[in-house]
């Protein structure tokens, strides 16, 4: 599902690790990323310069 992200505003809320399995364009292991929230309180992670909606497949672990 692609989402029109140009009408969203993002606010950084923290950082965390994405624990991932082999998927295209991402190395195996963990990756530190910034976490954002939009005006509808949906969480996003920044991956390769793009905002992606945070889903269970990201296996996200926040760092406080």
C-alpha atoms as a PDB file:
ATOM      1  CA  UNK A   1       0.000   0.000   0.000  1.00  0.00           C
ATOM      2  CA  UNK A   2       1.567   3.238  -1.129  1.00  0.00           C
ATOM      3  CA  UNK A   3       0.565   6.347   0.705  1.00  0.00           C
ATOM      4  CA  UNK A   4       0.704   9.979  -0.399  1.00  0.00           C
ATOM      5  CA  UNK A   5       3.253  11.351   2.065  1.00  0.00           C
ATOM      6  CA  UNK A   6       3.624  14.880   0.677  1.00  0.00           C
ATOM      7  CA  UNK A   7       0.592  16.146   2.661  1.00  0.00           C
ATOM      8  CA  UNK A   8       1.833  14.738   5.964  1.00  0.00           C
ATOM      9  CA  UNK A   9       3.856  16.599   8.547  1.00  0.00           C
ATOM     10  CA  UNK A  10       6.380  14.667  10.602  1.00  0.00           C
ATOM     11  CA  UNK A  11       7.800  15.252  14.066  1.00  0.00           C
ATOM     12  CA  UNK A  12      10.773  13.269  15.325  1.00  0.00           C
ATOM     13  CA  UNK A  13       9.975  11.361  18.515  1.00  0.00           C
ATOM     14  CA  UNK A  14      13.067   9.224  19.018  1.00  0.00           C
ATOM     15  CA  UNK A  15      15.419   6.604  17.698  1.00  0.00           C
ATOM     16  CA  UNK A  16      15.431   2.868  17.597  1.00  0.00           C
ATOM     17  CA  UNK A  17      16.710  -0.250  15.923  1.00  0.00           C
ATOM     18  CA  UNK A  18      15.105  -2.169  13.107  1.00  0.00           C
ATOM     19  CA  UNK A  19      15.877  -5.846  13.512  1.00  0.00           C
ATOM     20  CA  UNK A  20      15.437  -7.232  10.041  1.00  0.00           C
ATOM     21  CA  UNK A  21      15.569 -10.380   8.009  1.00  0.00           C
ATOM     22  CA  UNK A  22      16.999 -10.419   4.508  1.00  0.00           C
ATOM     23  CA  UNK A  23      14.870  -8.042   2.453  1.00  0.00           C
ATOM     24  CA  UNK A  24      15.882  -6.028  -0.616  1.00  0.00           C
ATOM     25  CA  UNK A  25      17.941  -2.855  -0.043  1.00  0.00           C
ATOM     26  CA  UNK A  26      18.587  -3.576   3.658  1.00  0.00           C
ATOM     27  CA  UNK A  27      21.432  -5.490   5.244  1.00  0.00           C
ATOM     28  CA  UNK A  28      20.794  -8.408   7.601  1.00  0.00           C
ATOM     29  CA  UNK A  29      21.013  -7.455  11.258  1.00  0.00           C
ATOM     30  CA  UNK A  30      20.051  -4.270  12.994  1.00  0.00           C
ATOM     31  CA  UNK A  31      19.930  -0.691  11.876  1.00  0.00           C
ATOM     32  CA  UNK A  32      19.636   2.481  13.952  1.00  0.00           C
ATOM     33  CA  UNK A  33      16.944   4.773  12.580  1.00  0.00           C
ATOM     34  CA  UNK A  34      14.982   7.853  13.534  1.00  0.00           C
ATOM     35  CA  UNK A  35      11.319   7.541  14.453  1.00  0.00           C
ATOM     36  CA  UNK A  36       8.660  10.078  13.507  1.00  0.00           C
ATOM     37  CA  UNK A  37       4.965  10.619  14.093  1.00  0.00           C
ATOM     38  CA  UNK A  38       2.537  12.323  11.702  1.00  0.00           C
ATOM     39  CA  UNK A  39      -0.468  14.512  12.486  1.00  0.00           C
ATOM     40  CA  UNK A  40      -2.630  11.374  12.755  1.00  0.00           C
ATOM     41  CA  UNK A  41      -0.320   9.806  15.420  1.00  0.00           C
ATOM     42  CA  UNK A  42       0.934   7.087  13.075  1.00  0.00           C
ATOM     43  CA  UNK A  43       4.574   6.119  13.596  1.00  0.00           C
ATOM     44  CA  UNK A  44       7.114   6.141  10.781  1.00  0.00           C
ATOM     45  CA  UNK A  45      10.751   5.178  10.467  1.00  0.00           C
ATOM     46  CA  UNK A  46      13.215   6.763   8.115  1.00  0.00           C
ATOM     47  CA  UNK A  47      14.785   4.156   5.835  1.00  0.00           C
ATOM     48  CA  UNK A  48      17.107   5.121   2.978  1.00  0.00           C
ATOM     49  CA  UNK A  49      15.924   8.736   3.204  1.00  0.00           C
ATOM     50  CA  UNK A  50      12.230   7.814   2.919  1.00  0.00           C
ATOM     51  CA  UNK A  51       9.511   7.699   5.548  1.00  0.00           C
ATOM     52  CA  UNK A  52       7.936   4.264   5.953  1.00  0.00           C
ATOM     53  CA  UNK A  53       4.918   3.481   8.086  1.00  0.00           C
ATOM     54  CA  UNK A  54       6.115   1.446  11.061  1.00  0.00           C
ATOM     55  CA  UNK A  55       4.678  -2.064  10.861  1.00  0.00           C
ATOM     56  CA  UNK A  56       5.272  -5.350  12.651  1.00  0.00           C
ATOM     57  CA  UNK A  57       7.536  -6.522   9.825  1.00  0.00           C
ATOM     58  CA  UNK A  58      10.061  -3.843  10.783  1.00  0.00           C
ATOM     59  CA  UNK A  59      10.654  -5.544  14.165  1.00  0.00           C
ATOM     60  CA  UNK A  60      11.296  -2.151  15.737  1.00  0.00           C
ATOM     61  CA  UNK A  61      12.994  -1.784  19.131  1.00  0.00           C
ATOM     62  CA  UNK A  62      12.923   1.758  20.560  1.00  0.00           C
ATOM     63  CA  UNK A  63      15.852   3.300  22.387  1.00  0.00           C
ATOM     64  CA  UNK A  64      14.926   5.550  25.303  1.00  0.00           C
END
